Amino acid sequence: MKEKQQFYVIKKDVLPEVFIKVVDVKKLLEKDKMLTVQEATERIGISRSSFYKYKDSIFPFYDKGNGQAITMLIHLQDEPGILSDVLNNIAAAGGNVLTINQMVPMNGIAIINLCMQTAAMVMDIEEFINELEQLRGVQQIKILARE
């Protein structure tokens, strides 16, 4: 009987360094197709055997290849133009809004539930979320689900 796989979401700062480096090697190999595994592991500072041991077991939560859609809860200041700025950034990054729901603003905060396609994005999800968080009026972003 095959054992059921279990998955956990763990904060990056508590992971052993080798796991972070494995992800870094994977990103480097994806970015530069001419690199060998040996060259990438040397640049990042881990052994090839460590890379091969863990490469199929660790993935960034925001890894674009792991999902085609993401659902976010976004807290915005209730001011004209802020939601428009968020939507413009989604479009500029190659995202496609599937659904968007806004609750009635209370105490100057508008809560947006937004689902978007990520397959055609020109940047990884983590970088995209970081950029959104820097926009004027964006107070908080929570990832609710991924396809």
N, C-alpha and C. Protein backbone atom coordinates (compact mmCIF):
# COMPACT_ATOMS: atom_id res chain seq x y z
N MET A 1 0.84 -1.18 0.00
CA MET A 1 0.00 0.00 0.00
C MET A 1 0.89 1.25 0.00
N LYS A 2 0.60 2.17 -0.88
CA LYS A 2 1.39 3.40 -1.00
C LYS A 2 1.05 4.35 0.14
N GLU A 3 2.10 4.90 0.75
CA GLU A 3 1.91 5.84 1.86
C GLU A 3 1.41 7.18 1.34
N LYS A 4 0.40 7.74 2.01
CA LYS A 4 -0.15 9.03 1.63
C LYS A 4 0.86 10.13 1.95
N GLN A 5 1.09 11.03 0.97
CA GLN A 5 2.01 12.13 1.19
C GLN A 5 1.36 13.19 2.05
N GLN A 6 2.15 13.80 2.91
CA GLN A 6 1.67 14.92 3.71
C GLN A 6 2.51 16.14 3.38
N PHE A 7 1.88 17.30 3.40
CA PHE A 7 2.56 18.54 3.08
C PHE A 7 2.37 19.53 4.22
N TYR A 8 3.34 20.40 4.40
CA TYR A 8 3.31 21.42 5.42
C TYR A 8 3.73 22.75 4.82
N VAL A 9 3.19 23.82 5.33
CA VAL A 9 3.66 25.16 4.98
C VAL A 9 4.48 25.62 6.16
N ILE A 10 5.74 25.96 5.90
CA ILE A 10 6.68 26.33 6.96
C ILE A 10 7.30 27.68 6.63
N LYS A 11 7.42 28.55 7.62
CA LYS A 11 8.06 29.85 7.39
C LYS A 11 9.52 29.65 7.04
N LYS A 12 9.97 30.43 6.08
CA LYS A 12 11.33 30.32 5.54
C LYS A 12 12.40 30.45 6.63
N ASP A 13 12.16 31.33 7.60
CA ASP A 13 13.20 31.60 8.59
C ASP A 13 13.45 30.44 9.55
N VAL A 14 12.63 29.40 9.56
CA VAL A 14 12.88 28.26 10.44
C VAL A 14 13.40 27.04 9.67
N LEU A 15 13.49 27.15 8.35
CA LEU A 15 14.00 26.04 7.55
C LEU A 15 15.53 25.94 7.66
N PRO A 16 16.06 24.74 7.65
CA PRO A 16 17.51 24.59 7.55
C PRO A 16 18.02 25.24 6.26
N GLU A 17 19.19 25.81 6.30
CA GLU A 17 19.76 26.55 5.18
C GLU A 17 19.82 25.73 3.90
N VAL A 18 20.04 24.43 4.01
CA VAL A 18 20.16 23.60 2.81
C VAL A 18 18.89 23.65 1.96
N PHE A 19 17.72 23.71 2.59
CA PHE A 19 16.47 23.76 1.83
C PHE A 19 16.35 25.06 1.04
N ILE A 20 16.73 26.16 1.67
CA ILE A 20 16.70 27.45 0.99
C ILE A 20 17.65 27.44 -0.20
N LYS A 21 18.82 26.85 -0.01
CA LYS A 21 19.81 26.79 -1.09
C LYS A 21 19.35 25.89 -2.23
N VAL A 22 18.62 24.84 -1.93
CA VAL A 22 18.08 23.98 -2.98
C VAL A 22 17.11 24.78 -3.85
N VAL A 23 16.25 25.56 -3.22
CA VAL A 23 15.32 26.41 -3.96
C VAL A 23 16.09 27.43 -4.79
N ASP A 24 17.15 28.01 -4.21
CA ASP A 24 17.96 28.98 -4.94
C ASP A 24 18.61 28.34 -6.18
N VAL A 25 19.08 27.11 -6.05
CA VAL A 25 19.67 26.41 -7.19
C VAL A 25 18.62 26.20 -8.27
N LYS A 26 17.42 25.78 -7.87
CA LYS A 26 16.34 25.55 -8.84
C LYS A 26 16.00 26.84 -9.58
N LYS A 27 15.95 27.95 -8.87
CA LYS A 27 15.67 29.24 -9.51
C LYS A 27 16.78 29.62 -10.48
N LEU A 28 18.02 29.40 -10.07
CA LEU A 28 19.17 29.72 -10.92
C LEU A 28 19.16 28.87 -12.19
N LEU A 29 18.85 27.59 -12.06
CA LEU A 29 18.79 26.70 -13.22
C LEU A 29 17.65 27.09 -14.16
N GLU A 30 16.54 27.54 -13.59
CA GLU A 30 15.41 27.97 -14.42
C GLU A 30 15.74 29.25 -15.17
N LYS A 31 16.45 30.15 -14.50
CA LYS A 31 16.79 31.45 -15.10
C LYS A 31 17.86 31.31 -16.18
N ASP A 32 18.86 30.47 -15.93
CA ASP A 32 19.98 30.31 -16.86
C ASP A 32 20.03 28.87 -17.34
N LYS A 33 19.40 28.60 -18.46
CA LYS A 33 19.28 27.23 -18.99
C LYS A 33 20.63 26.64 -19.41
N MET A 34 21.65 27.48 -19.55
CA MET A 34 22.96 27.00 -19.98
C MET A 34 23.79 26.43 -18.82
N LEU A 35 23.37 26.69 -17.58
CA LEU A 35 24.10 26.21 -16.42
C LEU A 35 23.90 24.71 -16.21
N THR A 36 24.94 24.05 -15.74
CA THR A 36 24.79 22.65 -15.32
C THR A 36 24.42 22.66 -13.83
N VAL A 37 23.94 21.53 -13.34
CA VAL A 37 23.63 21.41 -11.91
C VAL A 37 24.90 21.64 -11.10
N GLN A 38 26.01 21.10 -11.57
CA GLN A 38 27.28 21.28 -10.87
C GLN A 38 27.63 22.77 -10.72
N GLU A 39 27.51 23.52 -11.81
CA GLU A 39 27.82 24.95 -11.76
C GLU A 39 26.87 25.71 -10.84
N ALA A 40 25.60 25.39 -10.91
CA ALA A 40 24.61 26.09 -10.08
C ALA A 40 24.83 25.78 -8.60
N THR A 41 25.07 24.53 -8.26
CA THR A 41 25.28 24.18 -6.85
C THR A 41 26.56 24.81 -6.31
N GLU A 42 27.58 24.89 -7.14
CA GLU A 42 28.82 25.55 -6.71
C GLU A 42 28.59 27.03 -6.44
N ARG A 43 27.82 27.70 -7.31
CA ARG A 43 27.54 29.12 -7.12
C ARG A 43 26.76 29.37 -5.82
N ILE A 44 25.81 28.50 -5.53
CA ILE A 44 24.95 28.68 -4.36
C ILE A 44 25.64 28.18 -3.09
N GLY A 45 26.51 27.20 -3.23
CA GLY A 45 27.27 26.74 -2.08
C GLY A 45 26.72 25.50 -1.40
N ILE A 46 26.17 24.58 -2.20
CA ILE A 46 25.77 23.28 -1.65
C ILE A 46 26.30 22.19 -2.56
N SER A 47 26.27 20.96 -2.06
CA SER A 47 26.75 19.84 -2.87
C SER A 47 25.67 19.39 -3.84
N ARG A 48 26.10 18.76 -4.92
CA ARG A 48 25.13 18.21 -5.87
C ARG A 48 24.27 17.16 -5.21
N SER A 49 24.87 16.36 -4.34
CA SER A 49 24.10 15.30 -3.68
C SER A 49 22.98 15.89 -2.81
N SER A 50 23.24 17.00 -2.13
CA SER A 50 22.19 17.66 -1.34
C SER A 50 21.08 18.16 -2.24
N PHE A 51 21.48 18.75 -3.37
CA PHE A 51 20.48 19.23 -4.32
C PHE A 51 19.59 18.10 -4.78
N TYR A 52 20.18 17.00 -5.23
CA TYR A 52 19.40 15.89 -5.75
C TYR A 52 18.56 15.22 -4.65
N LYS A 53 19.05 15.24 -3.44
CA LYS A 53 18.32 14.63 -2.32
C LYS A 53 17.01 15.35 -2.05
N TYR A 54 17.02 16.69 -2.14
CA TYR A 54 15.86 17.49 -1.73
C TYR A 54 15.09 18.17 -2.87
N LYS A 55 15.61 18.13 -4.10
CA LYS A 55 15.02 18.94 -5.18
C LYS A 55 13.56 18.63 -5.46
N ASP A 56 13.13 17.41 -5.24
CA ASP A 56 11.73 17.06 -5.51
C ASP A 56 10.84 17.19 -4.29
N SER A 57 11.41 17.69 -3.19
CA SER A 57 10.65 17.77 -1.95
C SER A 57 10.38 19.18 -1.47
N ILE A 58 11.06 20.18 -2.02
CA ILE A 58 10.85 21.54 -1.55
C ILE A 58 10.58 22.47 -2.72
N PHE A 59 9.55 23.31 -2.55
CA PHE A 59 9.15 24.26 -3.57
C PHE A 59 8.74 25.55 -2.86
N PRO A 60 9.03 26.70 -3.44
CA PRO A 60 8.54 27.93 -2.85
C PRO A 60 7.02 27.93 -2.88
N PHE A 61 6.41 28.46 -1.85
CA PHE A 61 4.95 28.53 -1.79
C PHE A 61 4.40 29.29 -2.97
N TYR A 62 5.10 30.34 -3.40
CA TYR A 62 4.63 31.19 -4.48
C TYR A 62 5.09 30.74 -5.85
N ASP A 63 5.63 29.53 -5.96
CA ASP A 63 6.17 29.05 -7.22
C ASP A 63 5.11 29.07 -8.31
N LYS A 64 5.35 29.85 -9.37
CA LYS A 64 4.38 30.03 -10.45
C LYS A 64 4.00 28.69 -11.10
N GLY A 65 4.94 27.79 -11.21
CA GLY A 65 4.66 26.53 -11.87
C GLY A 65 3.74 25.61 -11.10
N ASN A 66 3.52 25.87 -9.82
CA ASN A 66 2.69 24.99 -9.02
C ASN A 66 1.21 25.33 -9.09
N GLY A 67 0.83 26.39 -9.72
CA GLY A 67 -0.58 26.72 -9.76
C GLY A 67 -0.91 27.67 -10.89
N GLN A 68 -2.16 27.65 -11.27
CA GLN A 68 -2.60 28.52 -12.35
C GLN A 68 -3.46 29.67 -11.84
N ALA A 69 -3.88 29.60 -10.57
CA ALA A 69 -4.71 30.66 -10.01
C ALA A 69 -4.37 30.86 -8.54
N ILE A 70 -4.58 32.07 -8.09
CA ILE A 70 -4.33 32.40 -6.69
C ILE A 70 -5.47 33.29 -6.21
N THR A 71 -5.91 33.06 -4.98
CA THR A 71 -6.96 33.88 -4.38
C THR A 71 -6.35 34.64 -3.21
N MET A 72 -6.57 35.95 -3.21
CA MET A 72 -5.98 36.82 -2.19
C MET A 72 -7.06 37.63 -1.49
N LEU A 73 -6.80 37.95 -0.24
CA LEU A 73 -7.61 38.90 0.51
C LEU A 73 -6.73 40.13 0.69
N ILE A 74 -7.18 41.26 0.18
CA ILE A 74 -6.37 42.48 0.18
C ILE A 74 -7.09 43.56 0.98
N HIS A 75 -6.39 44.14 1.93
CA HIS A 75 -6.92 45.26 2.72
C HIS A 75 -6.36 46.55 2.13
N LEU A 76 -7.27 47.42 1.70
CA LEU A 76 -6.87 48.69 1.08
C LEU A 76 -7.46 49.86 1.86
N GLN A 77 -6.76 50.97 1.84
CA GLN A 77 -7.35 52.20 2.34
C GLN A 77 -8.48 52.57 1.39
N ASP A 78 -9.59 53.05 1.96
CA ASP A 78 -10.75 53.41 1.15
C ASP A 78 -10.55 54.81 0.58
N GLU A 79 -9.75 54.89 -0.47
CA GLU A 79 -9.46 56.16 -1.14
C GLU A 79 -9.55 55.94 -2.65
N PRO A 80 -9.98 56.96 -3.38
CA PRO A 80 -10.09 56.81 -4.84
C PRO A 80 -8.75 56.45 -5.49
N GLY A 81 -8.79 55.51 -6.42
CA GLY A 81 -7.61 55.18 -7.22
C GLY A 81 -6.76 54.04 -6.70
N ILE A 82 -6.94 53.66 -5.44
CA ILE A 82 -6.06 52.62 -4.89
C ILE A 82 -6.36 51.25 -5.50
N LEU A 83 -7.63 50.88 -5.59
CA LEU A 83 -7.98 49.61 -6.23
C LEU A 83 -7.55 49.62 -7.70
N SER A 84 -7.72 50.74 -8.35
CA SER A 84 -7.30 50.86 -9.74
C SER A 84 -5.80 50.61 -9.88
N ASP A 85 -4.99 51.14 -8.97
CA ASP A 85 -3.55 50.91 -9.00
C ASP A 85 -3.22 49.42 -8.85
N VAL A 86 -3.94 48.74 -7.95
CA VAL A 86 -3.73 47.30 -7.76
C VAL A 86 -4.05 46.54 -9.05
N LEU A 87 -5.19 46.85 -9.64
CA LEU A 87 -5.60 46.17 -10.87
C LEU A 87 -4.65 46.46 -12.03
N ASN A 88 -4.15 47.68 -12.11
CA ASN A 88 -3.16 48.02 -13.16
C ASN A 88 -1.88 47.23 -12.97
N ASN A 89 -1.45 47.03 -11.73
CA ASN A 89 -0.24 46.25 -11.46
C ASN A 89 -0.44 44.78 -11.81
N ILE A 90 -1.63 44.26 -11.55
CA ILE A 90 -1.92 42.88 -11.93
C ILE A 90 -1.81 42.73 -13.46
N ALA A 91 -2.41 43.66 -14.18
CA ALA A 91 -2.36 43.61 -15.65
C ALA A 91 -0.92 43.75 -16.15
N ALA A 92 -0.16 44.67 -15.57
CA ALA A 92 1.23 44.88 -16.00
C ALA A 92 2.09 43.65 -15.75
N ALA A 93 1.77 42.86 -14.73
CA ALA A 93 2.54 41.66 -14.41
C ALA A 93 2.09 40.45 -15.23
N GLY A 94 1.04 40.62 -16.04
CA GLY A 94 0.55 39.52 -16.86
C GLY A 94 -0.51 38.68 -16.17
N GLY A 95 -0.99 39.14 -15.03
CA GLY A 95 -2.07 38.42 -14.34
C GLY A 95 -3.41 38.73 -14.97
N ASN A 96 -4.36 37.85 -14.75
CA ASN A 96 -5.70 38.02 -15.30
C ASN A 96 -6.71 37.84 -14.17
N VAL A 97 -7.45 38.89 -13.84
CA VAL A 97 -8.43 38.83 -12.76
C VAL A 97 -9.60 37.96 -13.20
N LEU A 98 -9.89 36.94 -12.40
CA LEU A 98 -11.03 36.05 -12.67
C LEU A 98 -12.27 36.53 -11.93
N THR A 99 -12.10 36.82 -10.64
CA THR A 99 -13.21 37.34 -9.84
C THR A 99 -12.66 38.40 -8.89
N ILE A 100 -13.52 39.35 -8.57
CA ILE A 100 -13.16 40.36 -7.60
C ILE A 100 -14.42 40.74 -6.84
N ASN A 101 -14.34 40.72 -5.52
CA ASN A 101 -15.45 41.09 -4.66
C ASN A 101 -14.94 42.09 -3.62
N GLN A 102 -15.66 43.17 -3.44
CA GLN A 102 -15.28 44.17 -2.44
C GLN A 102 -16.38 44.25 -1.40
N MET A 103 -15.97 44.13 -0.13
CA MET A 103 -16.92 44.31 0.95
C MET A 103 -17.18 45.80 1.12
N VAL A 104 -18.25 46.14 1.81
CA VAL A 104 -18.55 47.54 2.10
C VAL A 104 -17.42 48.09 2.98
N PRO A 105 -16.78 49.19 2.55
CA PRO A 105 -15.69 49.75 3.36
C PRO A 105 -16.16 50.15 4.75
N MET A 106 -15.34 49.84 5.74
CA MET A 106 -15.63 50.20 7.13
C MET A 106 -14.37 50.75 7.76
N ASN A 107 -14.54 51.82 8.51
CA ASN A 107 -13.41 52.45 9.20
C ASN A 107 -12.27 52.79 8.25
N GLY A 108 -12.59 53.17 7.04
CA GLY A 108 -11.59 53.60 6.08
C GLY A 108 -10.83 52.47 5.40
N ILE A 109 -11.30 51.21 5.60
CA ILE A 109 -10.62 50.05 5.02
C ILE A 109 -11.58 49.32 4.09
N ALA A 110 -11.13 49.04 2.88
CA ALA A 110 -11.88 48.24 1.91
C ALA A 110 -11.21 46.88 1.82
N ILE A 111 -11.99 45.82 1.99
CA ILE A 111 -11.44 44.47 1.90
C ILE A 111 -11.86 43.88 0.56
N ILE A 112 -10.86 43.43 -0.19
CA ILE A 112 -11.06 42.90 -1.53
C ILE A 112 -10.72 41.41 -1.53
N ASN A 113 -11.60 40.60 -2.08
CA ASN A 113 -11.31 39.20 -2.31
C ASN A 113 -11.10 39.07 -3.81
N LEU A 114 -9.91 38.68 -4.23
CA LEU A 114 -9.55 38.69 -5.64
C LEU A 114 -8.94 37.35 -6.04
N CYS A 115 -9.45 36.77 -7.12
CA CYS A 115 -8.88 35.55 -7.68
C CYS A 115 -8.33 35.89 -9.05
N MET A 116 -7.10 35.46 -9.31
CA MET A 116 -6.47 35.79 -10.59
C MET A 116 -5.70 34.61 -11.15
N GLN A 117 -5.62 34.55 -12.48
CA GLN A 117 -4.79 33.56 -13.17
C GLN A 117 -3.34 34.04 -13.11
N THR A 118 -2.43 33.10 -12.94
CA THR A 118 -1.02 33.45 -12.83
C THR A 118 -0.15 32.84 -13.91
N ALA A 119 -0.71 32.01 -14.76
CA ALA A 119 0.09 31.26 -15.73
C ALA A 119 0.90 32.14 -16.67
N ALA A 120 0.39 33.30 -17.04
CA ALA A 120 1.08 34.16 -18.01
C ALA A 120 1.88 35.29 -17.35
N MET A 121 2.08 35.21 -16.05
CA MET A 121 2.76 36.30 -15.36
C MET A 121 4.23 36.37 -15.75
N VAL A 122 4.75 37.59 -15.80
CA VAL A 122 6.13 37.83 -16.22
C VAL A 122 7.09 37.88 -15.03
N MET A 123 6.60 37.65 -13.84
CA MET A 123 7.44 37.61 -12.64
C MET A 123 6.89 36.53 -11.72
N ASP A 124 7.70 36.10 -10.76
CA ASP A 124 7.19 35.08 -9.86
C ASP A 124 6.21 35.70 -8.86
N ILE A 125 5.39 34.88 -8.28
CA ILE A 125 4.31 35.34 -7.42
C ILE A 125 4.85 36.08 -6.19
N GLU A 126 5.91 35.58 -5.62
CA GLU A 126 6.47 36.23 -4.43
C GLU A 126 6.90 37.67 -4.75
N GLU A 127 7.59 37.86 -5.85
CA GLU A 127 8.01 39.20 -6.27
C GLU A 127 6.79 40.08 -6.54
N PHE A 128 5.78 39.50 -7.18
CA PHE A 128 4.56 40.24 -7.48
C PHE A 128 3.86 40.71 -6.20
N ILE A 129 3.70 39.81 -5.24
CA ILE A 129 3.05 40.16 -3.96
C ILE A 129 3.84 41.25 -3.26
N ASN A 130 5.16 41.14 -3.26
CA ASN A 130 6.00 42.16 -2.64
C ASN A 130 5.79 43.52 -3.28
N GLU A 131 5.67 43.54 -4.61
CA GLU A 131 5.42 44.81 -5.31
C GLU A 131 4.05 45.38 -4.95
N LEU A 132 3.03 44.52 -4.90
CA LEU A 132 1.69 45.00 -4.52
C LEU A 132 1.69 45.59 -3.12
N GLU A 133 2.40 44.96 -2.21
CA GLU A 133 2.43 45.44 -0.82
C GLU A 133 3.07 46.82 -0.70
N GLN A 134 3.87 47.20 -1.68
CA GLN A 134 4.53 48.51 -1.65
C GLN A 134 3.67 49.63 -2.21
N LEU A 135 2.56 49.27 -2.84
CA LEU A 135 1.70 50.30 -3.43
C LEU A 135 1.06 51.17 -2.37
N ARG A 136 0.85 52.42 -2.73
CA ARG A 136 0.16 53.37 -1.84
C ARG A 136 -1.21 52.81 -1.49
N GLY A 137 -1.53 52.78 -0.21
CA GLY A 137 -2.85 52.39 0.25
C GLY A 137 -3.06 50.90 0.47
N VAL A 138 -2.11 50.06 0.06
CA VAL A 138 -2.24 48.62 0.31
C VAL A 138 -1.72 48.35 1.72
N GLN A 139 -2.60 47.84 2.57
CA GLN A 139 -2.23 47.62 3.96
C GLN A 139 -1.82 46.20 4.26
N GLN A 140 -2.49 45.24 3.61
CA GLN A 140 -2.20 43.84 3.91
C GLN A 140 -2.67 42.96 2.76
N ILE A 141 -1.91 41.90 2.50
CA ILE A 141 -2.31 40.90 1.51
C ILE A 141 -2.15 39.53 2.15
N LYS A 142 -3.20 38.74 2.07
CA LYS A 142 -3.16 37.36 2.56
C LYS A 142 -3.51 36.43 1.40
N ILE A 143 -2.73 35.37 1.25
CA ILE A 143 -3.03 34.36 0.24
C ILE A 143 -4.02 33.38 0.86
N LEU A 144 -5.17 33.24 0.23
CA LEU A 144 -6.20 32.34 0.75
C LEU A 144 -6.14 30.96 0.12
N ALA A 145 -5.83 30.90 -1.18
CA ALA A 145 -5.84 29.61 -1.87
C ALA A 145 -5.00 29.68 -3.13
N ARG A 146 -4.57 28.50 -3.57
CA ARG A 146 -3.88 28.36 -4.83
C ARG A 146 -4.44 27.16 -5.55
N GLU A 147 -4.54 27.26 -6.85
CA GLU A 147 -5.00 26.11 -7.64
C GLU A 147 -3.82 25.19 -7.88
